[in-house]
PDB file of N, CA and C in Angstrom:
ATOM      1  N   MET A   1     -40.209  29.710-111.100  1.00  0.00           N
ATOM      2  CA  MET A   1     -39.238  30.318-110.814  1.00  0.00           C
ATOM      3  C   MET A   1     -37.752  30.156-112.059  1.00  0.00           C
ATOM      4  N   ALA A   2     -37.105  30.630-111.840  1.00  0.00           N
ATOM      5  CA  ALA A   2     -35.844  30.356-112.430  1.00  0.00           C
ATOM      6  C   ALA A   2     -34.640  29.723-111.831  1.00  0.00           C
ATOM      7  N   ARG A   3     -33.969  28.676-112.521  1.00  0.00           N
ATOM      8  CA  ARG A   3     -32.759  28.127-111.695  1.00  0.00           C
ATOM      9  C   ARG A   3     -31.548  28.328-112.273  1.00  0.00           C
ATOM     10  N   ILE A   4     -30.869  29.241-111.554  1.00  0.00           N
ATOM     11  CA  ILE A   4     -29.452  30.061-112.420  1.00  0.00           C
ATOM     12  C   ILE A   4     -28.169  29.203-111.571  1.00  0.00           C
ATOM     13  N   GLU A   5     -27.093  29.032-112.230  1.00  0.00           N
ATOM     14  CA  GLU A   5     -26.045  28.371-112.428  1.00  0.00           C
ATOM     15  C   GLU A   5     -25.827  30.313-111.699  1.00  0.00           C
ATOM     16  N   ILE A   6     -25.047  30.049-110.516  1.00  0.00           N
ATOM     17  CA  ILE A   6     -24.000  31.482-110.123  1.00  0.00           C
ATOM     18  C   ILE A   6     -22.810  31.711-110.000  1.00  0.00           C
ATOM     19  N   CYS A   7     -22.184  30.096-109.323  1.00  0.00           N
ATOM     20  CA  CYS A   7     -20.610  30.315-109.525  1.00  0.00           C
ATOM     21  C   CYS A   7     -20.079  28.778-108.984  1.00  0.00           C
ATOM     22  N   LEU A   8     -18.847  28.866-108.953  1.00  0.00           N
ATOM     23  CA  LEU A   8     -18.517  27.930-108.228  1.00  0.00           C
ATOM     24  C   LEU A   8     -18.353  28.107-106.856  1.00  0.00           C
ATOM     25  N   LEU A   9     -18.561  26.674-105.905  1.00  0.00           N
ATOM     26  CA  LEU A   9     -18.215  27.159-104.618  1.00  0.00           C
ATOM     27  C   LEU A   9     -17.011  27.243-103.908  1.00  0.00           C
ATOM     28  N   GLU A  10     -15.747  27.678-104.670  1.00  0.00           N
ATOM     29  CA  GLU A  10     -14.468  27.849-104.392  1.00  0.00           C
ATOM     30  C   GLU A  10     -14.689  29.256-104.297  1.00  0.00           C
ATOM     31  N   ASP A  11     -15.552  30.056-105.476  1.00  0.00           N
ATOM     32  CA  ASP A  11     -15.464  31.369-105.185  1.00  0.00           C
ATOM     33  C   ASP A  11     -16.372  32.167-104.300  1.00  0.00           C
ATOM     34  N   VAL A  12     -16.683  31.682-103.284  1.00  0.00           N
ATOM     35  CA  VAL A  12     -17.281  31.859-101.853  1.00  0.00           C
ATOM     36  C   VAL A  12     -16.346  31.175-100.671  1.00  0.00           C
ATOM     37  N   PRO A  13     -15.554  32.369-100.179  1.00  0.00           N
ATOM     38  CA  PRO A  13     -14.927  32.200 -99.527  1.00  0.00           C
ATOM     39  C   PRO A  13     -15.390  31.294 -98.102  1.00  0.00           C
ATOM     40  N   ALA A  14     -14.820  30.341 -97.615  1.00  0.00           N
ATOM     41  CA  ALA A  14     -15.235  29.454 -96.517  1.00  0.00           C
ATOM     42  C   ALA A  14     -15.668  30.816 -95.198  1.00  0.00           C
ATOM     43  N   ASN A  15     -16.889  30.842 -94.811  1.00  0.00           N
ATOM     44  CA  ASN A  15     -17.216  31.448 -93.424  1.00  0.00           C
ATOM     45  C   ASN A  15     -16.847  32.476 -94.016  1.00  0.00           C
ATOM     46  N   GLY A  16     -17.850  32.784 -94.880  1.00  0.00           N
ATOM     47  CA  GLY A  16     -17.681  34.027 -95.752  1.00  0.00           C
ATOM     48  C   GLY A  16     -19.471  34.229 -96.633  1.00  0.00           C
ATOM     49  N   ASN A  17     -19.006  35.197 -97.686  1.00  0.00           N
ATOM     50  CA  ASN A  17     -19.784  36.063 -98.207  1.00  0.00           C
ATOM     51  C   ASN A  17     -19.482  36.728 -99.756  1.00  0.00           C
ATOM     52  N   ARG A  18     -19.931  36.567-100.292  1.00  0.00           N
ATOM     53  CA  ARG A  18     -19.579  37.359-101.931  1.00  0.00           C
ATOM     54  C   ARG A  18     -21.232  37.399-102.665  1.00  0.00           C
ATOM     55  N   ALA A  19     -20.981  38.717-103.115  1.00  0.00           N
ATOM     56  CA  ALA A  19     -22.182  38.972-104.000  1.00  0.00           C
ATOM     57  C   ALA A  19     -22.257  38.972-105.446  1.00  0.00           C
ATOM     58  N   PHE A  20     -23.313  38.450-106.247  1.00  0.00           N
ATOM     59  CA  PHE A  20     -23.542  38.305-107.878  1.00  0.00           C
ATOM     60  C   PHE A  20     -24.798  38.942-108.211  1.00  0.00           C
ATOM     61  N   VAL A  21     -24.617  39.007-109.377  1.00  0.00           N
ATOM     62  CA  VAL A  21     -25.901  39.410-110.363  1.00  0.00           C
ATOM     63  C   VAL A  21     -26.455  38.591-110.933  1.00  0.00           C
ATOM     64  N   ALA A  22     -27.542  38.615-110.703  1.00  0.00           N
ATOM     65  CA  ALA A  22     -28.243  37.107-111.426  1.00  0.00           C
ATOM     66  C   ALA A  22     -29.944  37.825-112.027  1.00  0.00           C
ATOM     67  N   GLU A  23     -30.245  37.441-112.817  1.00  0.00           N
ATOM     68  CA  GLU A  23     -31.317  37.891-113.427  1.00  0.00           C
ATOM     69  C   GLU A  23     -32.102  39.514-112.738  1.00  0.00           C
ATOM     70  N   GLY A  24     -30.885  40.164-112.644  1.00  0.00           N
ATOM     71  CA  GLY A  24     -31.081  41.779-112.182  1.00  0.00           C
ATOM     72  C   GLY A  24     -31.271  42.020-110.805  1.00  0.00           C
ATOM     73  N   VAL A  25     -30.756  40.771-110.058  1.00  0.00           N
ATOM     74  CA  VAL A  25     -30.992  40.793-108.897  1.00  0.00           C
ATOM     75  C   VAL A  25     -29.564  40.786-107.882  1.00  0.00           C
ATOM     76  N   SER A  26     -29.509  41.380-107.321  1.00  0.00           N
ATOM     77  CA  SER A  26     -28.227  41.324-106.614  1.00  0.00           C
ATOM     78  C   SER A  26     -28.166  40.332-105.031  1.00  0.00           C
ATOM     79  N   ILE A  27     -27.657  38.986-105.285  1.00  0.00           N
ATOM     80  CA  ILE A  27     -27.609  38.305-104.711  1.00  0.00           C
ATOM     81  C   ILE A  27     -26.257  37.989-103.705  1.00  0.00           C
ATOM     82  N   LEU A  28     -26.495  37.383-102.578  1.00  0.00           N
ATOM     83  CA  LEU A  28     -25.434  37.286-101.544  1.00  0.00           C
ATOM     84  C   LEU A  28     -25.225  35.848-101.010  1.00  0.00           C
ATOM     85  N   LEU A  29     -24.394  35.226-101.846  1.00  0.00           N
ATOM     86  CA  LEU A  29     -24.148  33.886-101.290  1.00  0.00           C
ATOM     87  C   LEU A  29     -23.419  33.894-100.046  1.00  0.00           C
ATOM     88  N   CYS A  30     -23.707  32.744 -99.006  1.00  0.00           N
ATOM     89  CA  CYS A  30     -23.100  32.930 -97.634  1.00  0.00           C
ATOM     90  C   CYS A  30     -22.694  31.489 -97.240  1.00  0.00           C
ATOM     91  N   ARG A  31     -21.194  31.308 -97.344  1.00  0.00           N
ATOM     92  CA  ARG A  31     -21.145  29.909 -96.811  1.00  0.00           C
ATOM     93  C   ARG A  31     -20.576  29.924 -95.382  1.00  0.00           C
ATOM     94  N   SER A  32     -21.315  28.839 -94.843  1.00  0.00           N
ATOM     95  CA  SER A  32     -21.131  28.242 -93.588  1.00  0.00           C
ATOM     96  C   SER A  32     -20.900  26.946 -93.409  1.00  0.00           C
ATOM     97  N   GLY A  33     -20.460  26.722 -92.028  1.00  0.00           N
ATOM     98  CA  GLY A  33     -20.385  24.754 -91.982  1.00  0.00           C
ATOM     99  C   GLY A  33     -21.483  24.706 -92.105  1.00  0.00           C
ATOM    100  N   ALA A  34     -22.910  25.220 -92.184  1.00  0.00           N
ATOM    101  CA  ALA A  34     -24.180  24.083 -92.498  1.00  0.00           C
ATOM    102  C   ALA A  34     -24.362  24.599 -94.145  1.00  0.00           C
ATOM    103  N   GLY A  35     -23.773  25.175 -94.828  1.00  0.00           N
ATOM    104  CA  GLY A  35     -23.875  24.651 -96.404  1.00  0.00           C
ATOM    105  C   GLY A  35     -23.788  26.389 -96.817  1.00  0.00           C
ATOM    106  N   VAL A  36     -24.197  26.614 -97.735  1.00  0.00           N
ATOM    107  CA  VAL A  36     -24.591  28.216 -98.798  1.00  0.00           C
ATOM    108  C   VAL A  36     -25.870  28.217 -98.910  1.00  0.00           C
ATOM    109  N   PHE A  37     -25.818  29.495 -98.557  1.00  0.00           N
ATOM    110  CA  PHE A  37     -27.006  30.414 -98.215  1.00  0.00           C
ATOM    111  C   PHE A  37     -27.095  31.436 -99.478  1.00  0.00           C
ATOM    112  N   ALA A  38     -28.600  31.597-100.056  1.00  0.00           N
ATOM    113  CA  ALA A  38     -28.589  32.947-101.020  1.00  0.00           C
ATOM    114  C   ALA A  38     -29.449  33.580-100.085  1.00  0.00           C
ATOM    115  N   LEU A  39     -29.124  35.330-100.139  1.00  0.00           N
ATOM    116  CA  LEU A  39     -30.043  36.423 -99.538  1.00  0.00           C
ATOM    117  C   LEU A  39     -30.180  37.728-100.760  1.00  0.00           C
ATOM    118  N   GLU A  40     -31.183  38.273-100.394  1.00  0.00           N
ATOM    119  CA  GLU A  40     -31.134  39.389-101.144  1.00  0.00           C
ATOM    120  C   GLU A  40     -29.781  40.363-100.474  1.00  0.00           C
ATOM    121  N   ASN A  41     -29.042  40.561-101.159  1.00  0.00           N
ATOM    122  CA  ASN A  41     -27.613  41.790-100.607  1.00  0.00           C
ATOM    123  C   ASN A  41     -28.459  43.043-100.255  1.00  0.00           C
ATOM    124  N   MET A  42     -29.136  42.605 -99.570  1.00  0.00           N
ATOM    125  CA  MET A  42     -29.658  44.173 -98.916  1.00  0.00           C
ATOM    126  C   MET A  42     -30.384  44.201 -97.361  1.00  0.00           C
ATOM    127  N   CYS A  43     -29.610  44.983 -96.761  1.00  0.00           N
ATOM    128  CA  CYS A  43     -30.229  44.807 -95.172  1.00  0.00           C
ATOM    129  C   CYS A  43     -31.681  45.137 -95.352  1.00  0.00           C
ATOM    130  N   SER A  44     -32.422  44.922 -94.134  1.00  0.00           N
ATOM    131  CA  SER A  44     -33.429  44.387 -94.320  1.00  0.00           C
ATOM    132  C   SER A  44     -34.192  45.757 -93.220  1.00  0.00           C
ATOM    133  N   HIS A  45     -33.107  46.502 -92.495  1.00  0.00           N
ATOM    134  CA  HIS A  45     -33.473  47.493 -92.008  1.00  0.00           C
ATOM    135  C   HIS A  45     -32.220  49.010 -92.307  1.00  0.00           C
ATOM    136  N   ALA A  46     -31.965  49.258 -92.972  1.00  0.00           N
ATOM    137  CA  ALA A  46     -31.340  50.082 -93.690  1.00  0.00           C
ATOM    138  C   ALA A  46     -30.974  49.574 -94.951  1.00  0.00           C
ATOM    139  N   THR A  47     -31.049  50.312 -96.163  1.00  0.00           N
ATOM    140  CA  THR A  47     -30.617  49.657 -97.324  1.00  0.00           C
ATOM    141  C   THR A  47     -29.367  49.766 -97.518  1.00  0.00           C
ATOM    142  N   ALA A  48     -28.242  48.756 -97.417  1.00  0.00           N
ATOM    143  CA  ALA A  48     -27.279  49.168 -97.313  1.00  0.00           C
ATOM    144  C   ALA A  48     -26.763  47.223 -97.742  1.00  0.00           C
ATOM    145  N   ALA A  49     -26.003  47.260 -98.689  1.00  0.00           N
ATOM    146  CA  ALA A  49     -25.378  46.619 -99.042  1.00  0.00           C
ATOM    147  C   ALA A  49     -24.564  45.516 -97.593  1.00  0.00           C
ATOM    148  N   LEU A  50     -25.137  44.072 -97.817  1.00  0.00           N
ATOM    149  CA  LEU A  50     -24.680  43.157 -97.241  1.00  0.00           C
ATOM    150  C   LEU A  50     -23.250  42.631 -96.941  1.00  0.00           C
ATOM    151  N   GLU A  51     -22.986  42.916 -98.388  1.00  0.00           N
ATOM    152  CA  GLU A  51     -21.340  41.759 -98.358  1.00  0.00           C
ATOM    153  C   GLU A  51     -20.359  42.594 -97.920  1.00  0.00           C
ATOM    154  N   GLY A  52     -19.494  41.732 -97.538  1.00  0.00           N
ATOM    155  CA  GLY A  52     -18.979  42.044 -96.664  1.00  0.00           C
ATOM    156  C   GLY A  52     -18.812  41.779 -95.008  1.00  0.00           C
ATOM    157  N   GLY A  53     -20.157  41.508 -94.819  1.00  0.00           N
ATOM    158  CA  GLY A  53     -20.465  41.420 -93.309  1.00  0.00           C
ATOM    159  C   GLY A  53     -20.014  40.266 -92.559  1.00  0.00           C
ATOM    160  N   ARG A  54     -19.410  40.149 -91.553  1.00  0.00           N
ATOM    161  CA  ARG A  54     -18.790  39.062 -90.827  1.00  0.00           C
ATOM    162  C   ARG A  54     -19.653  38.127 -90.599  1.00  0.00           C
ATOM    163  N   MET A  55     -19.334  36.550 -90.496  1.00  0.00           N
ATOM    164  CA  MET A  55     -20.282  35.831 -90.610  1.00  0.00           C
ATOM    165  C   MET A  55     -19.584  35.056 -89.562  1.00  0.00           C
ATOM    166  N   LYS A  56     -20.707  34.171 -88.770  1.00  0.00           N
ATOM    167  CA  LYS A  56     -20.324  33.437 -87.730  1.00  0.00           C
ATOM    168  C   LYS A  56     -21.159  32.482 -87.457  1.00  0.00           C
ATOM    169  N   GLY A  57     -20.711  30.912 -87.542  1.00  0.00           N
ATOM    170  CA  GLY A  57     -21.868  30.298 -87.908  1.00  0.00           C
ATOM    171  C   GLY A  57     -22.764  30.175 -88.952  1.00  0.00           C
ATOM    172  N   PRO A  58     -23.988  30.469 -88.815  1.00  0.00           N
ATOM    173  CA  PRO A  58     -25.230  30.424 -89.491  1.00  0.00           C
ATOM    174  C   PRO A  58     -25.681  32.066 -89.346  1.00  0.00           C
ATOM    175  N   PHE A  59     -24.968  32.798 -88.786  1.00  0.00           N
ATOM    176  CA  PHE A  59     -25.313  34.383 -88.639  1.00  0.00           C
ATOM    177  C   PHE A  59     -24.060  35.046 -89.822  1.00  0.00           C
ATOM    178  N   LEU A  60     -24.953  36.195 -90.038  1.00  0.00           N
ATOM    179  CA  LEU A  60     -24.331  37.307 -91.143  1.00  0.00           C
ATOM    180  C   LEU A  60     -24.482  38.540 -90.294  1.00  0.00           C
ATOM    181  N   PHE A  61     -23.634  39.564 -90.205  1.00  0.00           N
ATOM    182  CA  PHE A  61     -23.870  40.473 -89.485  1.00  0.00           C
ATOM    183  C   PHE A  61     -23.605  41.631 -90.314  1.00  0.00           C
ATOM    184  N   CYS A  62     -24.726  42.647 -90.352  1.00  0.00           N
ATOM    185  CA  CYS A  62     -24.628  43.432 -91.501  1.00  0.00           C
ATOM    186  C   CYS A  62     -23.563  44.381 -91.542  1.00  0.00           C
ATOM    187  N   PRO A  63     -22.932  44.574 -92.431  1.00  0.00           N
ATOM    188  CA  PRO A  63     -21.243  45.669 -92.119  1.00  0.00           C
ATOM    189  C   PRO A  63     -21.773  47.128 -91.977  1.00  0.00           C
ATOM    190  N   LEU A  64     -22.853  47.737 -91.999  1.00  0.00           N
ATOM    191  CA  LEU A  64     -23.680  49.229 -91.497  1.00  0.00           C
ATOM    192  C   LEU A  64     -23.533  49.076 -90.366  1.00  0.00           C
ATOM    193  N   HIS A  65     -23.960  48.482 -89.441  1.00  0.00           N
ATOM    194  CA  HIS A  65     -24.816  48.480 -88.217  1.00  0.00           C
ATOM    195  C   HIS A  65     -24.654  47.024 -87.134  1.00  0.00           C
ATOM    196  N   GLY A  66     -24.093  46.203 -87.849  1.00  0.00           N
ATOM    197  CA  GLY A  66     -23.958  44.977 -86.745  1.00  0.00           C
ATOM    198  C   GLY A  66     -25.509  44.239 -86.810  1.00  0.00           C
ATOM    199  N   MET A  67     -26.618  44.293 -87.209  1.00  0.00           N
ATOM    200  CA  MET A  67     -27.518  43.393 -87.067  1.00  0.00           C
ATOM    201  C   MET A  67     -27.433  42.224 -87.472  1.00  0.00           C
ATOM    202  N   ARG A  68     -27.530  41.029 -86.707  1.00  0.00           N
ATOM    203  CA  ARG A  68     -27.246  39.721 -86.803  1.00  0.00           C
ATOM    204  C   ARG A  68     -28.597  38.987 -87.806  1.00  0.00           C
ATOM    205  N   ILE A  69     -28.179  38.733 -88.871  1.00  0.00           N
ATOM    206  CA  ILE A  69     -29.176  37.630 -89.279  1.00  0.00           C
ATOM    207  C   ILE A  69     -29.033  36.180 -89.571  1.00  0.00           C
ATOM    208  N   ASP A  70     -30.077  35.448 -89.614  1.00  0.00           N
ATOM    209  CA  ASP A  70     -29.820  33.984 -89.638  1.00  0.00           C
ATOM    210  C   ASP A  70     -30.035  33.863 -91.667  1.00  0.00           C
ATOM    211  N   VAL A  71     -28.568  33.140 -92.138  1.00  0.00           N
ATOM    212  CA  VAL A  71     -28.965  33.039 -93.526  1.00  0.00           C
ATOM    213  C   VAL A  71     -29.454  32.120 -93.798  1.00  0.00           C
ATOM    214  N   ARG A  72     -29.888  31.429 -92.554  1.00  0.00           N
ATOM    215  CA  ARG A  72     -31.073  29.778 -93.093  1.00  0.00           C
ATOM    216  C   ARG A  72     -32.517  30.467 -93.406  1.00  0.00           C
ATOM    217  N   ASP A  73     -32.885  31.631 -92.878  1.00  0.00           N
ATOM    218  CA  ASP A  73     -34.347  32.196 -92.859  1.00  0.00           C
ATOM    219  C   ASP A  73     -34.228  33.435 -93.188  1.00  0.00           C
ATOM    220  N   GLY A  74     -33.049  34.078 -93.086  1.00  0.00           N
ATOM    221  CA  GLY A  74     -33.358  35.810 -93.261  1.00  0.00           C
ATOM    222  C   GLY A  74     -33.803  36.652 -92.196  1.00  0.00           C
ATOM    223  N   CYS A  75     -33.747  35.819 -90.519  1.00  0.00           N
ATOM    224  CA  CYS A  75     -34.681  36.386 -89.575  1.00  0.00           C
ATOM    225  C   CYS A  75     -33.478  37.479 -89.539  1.00  0.00           C
ATOM    226  N   PRO A  76     -33.825  38.257 -88.596  1.00  0.00           N
ATOM    227  CA  PRO A  76     -32.842  39.521 -87.786  1.00  0.00           C
ATOM    228  C   PRO A  76     -33.170  39.007 -86.841  1.00  0.00           C
ATOM    229  N   SER A  77     -32.338  39.528 -85.665  1.00  0.00           N
ATOM    230  CA  SER A  77     -32.059  39.448 -84.455  1.00  0.00           C
ATOM    231  C   SER A  77     -31.843  40.810 -83.542  1.00  0.00           C
ATOM    232  N   GLY A  78     -32.386  41.476 -82.377  1.00  0.00           N
ATOM    233  CA  GLY A  78     -32.093  42.079 -82.275  1.00  0.00           C
ATOM    234  C   GLY A  78     -33.560  43.811 -82.188  1.00  0.00           C
ATOM    235  N   GLN A  79     -33.745  44.963 -81.822  1.00  0.00           N
ATOM    236  CA  GLN A  79     -34.339  45.382 -82.008  1.00  0.00           C
ATOM    237  C   GLN A  79     -34.816  46.714 -83.181  1.00  0.00           C
ATOM    238  N   LEU A  80     -33.637  46.187 -84.069  1.00  0.00           N
ATOM    239  CA  LEU A  80     -33.423  47.658 -85.184  1.00  0.00           C
ATOM    240  C   LEU A  80     -34.620  47.013 -86.176  1.00  0.00           C
ATOM    241  N   THR A  81     -35.108  45.877 -86.392  1.00  0.00           N
ATOM    242  CA  THR A  81     -36.581  45.654 -87.629  1.00  0.00           C
ATOM    243  C   THR A  81     -36.451  43.850 -86.902  1.00  0.00           C
ATOM    244  N   THR A  82     -37.959  43.967 -87.535  1.00  0.00           N
ATOM    245  CA  THR A  82     -38.378  42.462 -87.348  1.00  0.00           C
ATOM    246  C   THR A  82     -38.580  41.646 -88.595  1.00  0.00           C
ATOM    247  N   ARG A  83     -38.361  43.012 -89.774  1.00  0.00           N
ATOM    248  CA  ARG A  83     -38.791  42.134 -91.490  1.00  0.00           C
ATOM    249  C   ARG A  83     -37.295  41.179 -91.507  1.00  0.00           C
ATOM    250  N   ARG A  84     -37.747  40.459 -92.205  1.00  0.00           N
ATOM    251  CA  ARG A  84     -36.655  39.293 -92.736  1.00  0.00           C
ATOM    252  C   ARG A  84     -35.910  40.094 -93.982  1.00  0.00           C
ATOM    253  N   VAL A  85     -34.634  39.261 -94.227  1.00  0.00           N
ATOM    254  CA  VAL A  85     -34.434  39.449 -95.259  1.00  0.00           C
ATOM    255  C   VAL A  85     -34.827  38.424 -96.571  1.00  0.00           C
ATOM    256  N   ARG A  86     -34.903  39.082 -97.425  1.00  0.00           N
ATOM    257  CA  ARG A  86     -35.493  38.026 -98.596  1.00  0.00           C
ATOM    258  C   ARG A  86     -34.418  36.663 -99.060  1.00  0.00           C
ATOM    259  N   THR A  87     -34.501  35.573 -98.793  1.00  0.00           N
ATOM    260  CA  THR A  87     -33.589  33.903 -99.118  1.00  0.00           C
ATOM    261  C   THR A  87     -34.535  33.479-100.594  1.00  0.00           C
ATOM    262  N   TYR A  88     -33.272  33.114-101.264  1.00  0.00           N
ATOM    263  CA  TYR A  88     -33.711  32.166-102.008  1.00  0.00           C
ATOM    264  C   TYR A  88     -33.227  30.878-102.159  1.00  0.00           C
ATOM    265  N   PRO A  89     -33.862  30.121-102.683  1.00  0.00           N
ATOM    266  CA  PRO A  89     -32.999  28.392-102.480  1.00  0.00           C
ATOM    267  C   PRO A  89     -31.883  28.179-103.030  1.00  0.00           C
ATOM    268  N   ALA A  90     -30.953  28.032-102.455  1.00  0.00           N
ATOM    269  CA  ALA A  90     -29.751  27.455-103.204  1.00  0.00           C
ATOM    270  C   ALA A  90     -29.232  25.922-103.065  1.00  0.00           C
ATOM    271  N   THR A  91     -28.736  25.405-104.094  1.00  0.00           N
ATOM    272  CA  THR A  91     -28.198  24.016-104.057  1.00  0.00           C
ATOM    273  C   THR A  91     -26.954  24.034-104.833  1.00  0.00           C
ATOM    274  N   LEU A  92     -26.335  22.752-104.095  1.00  0.00           N
ATOM    275  CA  LEU A  92     -24.546  22.903-104.673  1.00  0.00           C
ATOM    276  C   LEU A  92     -24.463  21.380-105.531  1.00  0.00           C
ATOM    277  N   GLU A  93     -24.237  21.334-106.796  1.00  0.00           N
ATOM    278  CA  GLU A  93     -24.113  20.343-107.496  1.00  0.00           C
ATOM    279  C   GLU A  93     -22.976  20.252-107.775  1.00  0.00           C
ATOM    280  N   ASP A  94     -22.324  19.112-107.651  1.00  0.00           N
ATOM    281  CA  ASP A  94     -20.646  18.738-108.405  1.00  0.00           C
ATOM    282  C   ASP A  94     -20.003  19.775-108.266  1.00  0.00           C
ATOM    283  N   GLY A  95     -19.726  20.961-107.253  1.00  0.00           N
ATOM    284  CA  GLY A  95     -19.413  22.019-107.211  1.00  0.00           C
ATOM    285  C   GLY A  95     -19.364  23.125-107.693  1.00  0.00           C
ATOM    286  N   ARG A  96     -21.240  23.221-107.990  1.00  0.00           N
ATOM    287  CA  ARG A  96     -21.266  24.437-108.711  1.00  0.00           C
ATOM    288  C   ARG A  96     -23.034  25.247-107.973  1.00  0.00           C
ATOM    289  N   VAL A  97     -22.957  26.592-107.709  1.00  0.00           N
ATOM    290  CA  VAL A  97     -24.099  26.818-106.936  1.00  0.00           C
ATOM    291  C   VAL A  97     -24.844  27.496-107.703  1.00  0.00           C
ATOM    292  N   PHE A  98     -26.314  26.745-107.746  1.00  0.00           N
ATOM    293  CA  PHE A  98     -27.538  27.178-108.437  1.00  0.00           C
ATOM    294  C   PHE A  98     -28.481  28.071-107.167  1.00  0.00           C
ATOM    295  N   VAL A  99     -29.190  29.005-107.689  1.00  0.00           N
ATOM    296  CA  VAL A  99     -30.122  29.631-107.133  1.00  0.00           C
ATOM    297  C   VAL A  99     -30.894  29.386-107.801  1.00  0.00           C
ATOM    298  N   GLU A 100     -32.395  29.357-106.904  1.00  0.00           N
ATOM    299  CA  GLU A 100     -33.914  29.854-107.606  1.00  0.00           C
ATOM    300  C   GLU A 100     -34.446  31.306-107.269  1.00  0.00           C
ATOM    301  N   ILE A 101     -34.384  31.549-108.292  1.00  0.00           N
ATOM    302  CA  ILE A 101     -34.798  33.221-108.501  1.00  0.00           C
ATOM    303  C   ILE A 101     -36.401  33.557-109.453  1.00  0.00           C
ATOM    304  N   GLY A 102     -37.409  34.247-108.647  1.00  0.00           N
ATOM    305  CA  GLY A 102     -38.535  34.057-108.633  1.00  0.00           C
ATOM    306  C   GLY A 102     -39.538  34.819-108.221  1.00  0.00           C
TER     307      GLY A 102
END
């Protein structure tokens, strides 16, 4: 796995999210009170970008149809799908966000 610096923590809004492209992959960084998490920027139900979805605690709501996704493990809630959204290990060091891709 490649460990890549994605951005500064301040580039991701508190209780929000922002997409970045790294190694040709669209990564969605989600920031909640529990930390910063990295997911594939693609809904597992409908191939729609997750960026801009509402955050509530550790949950992201797909902006297309409102499916709730746990950003800690990519698990969806509800009846639309049981397929997880791919997650990537994310770490924070000195205010910088790193993600392991591979």
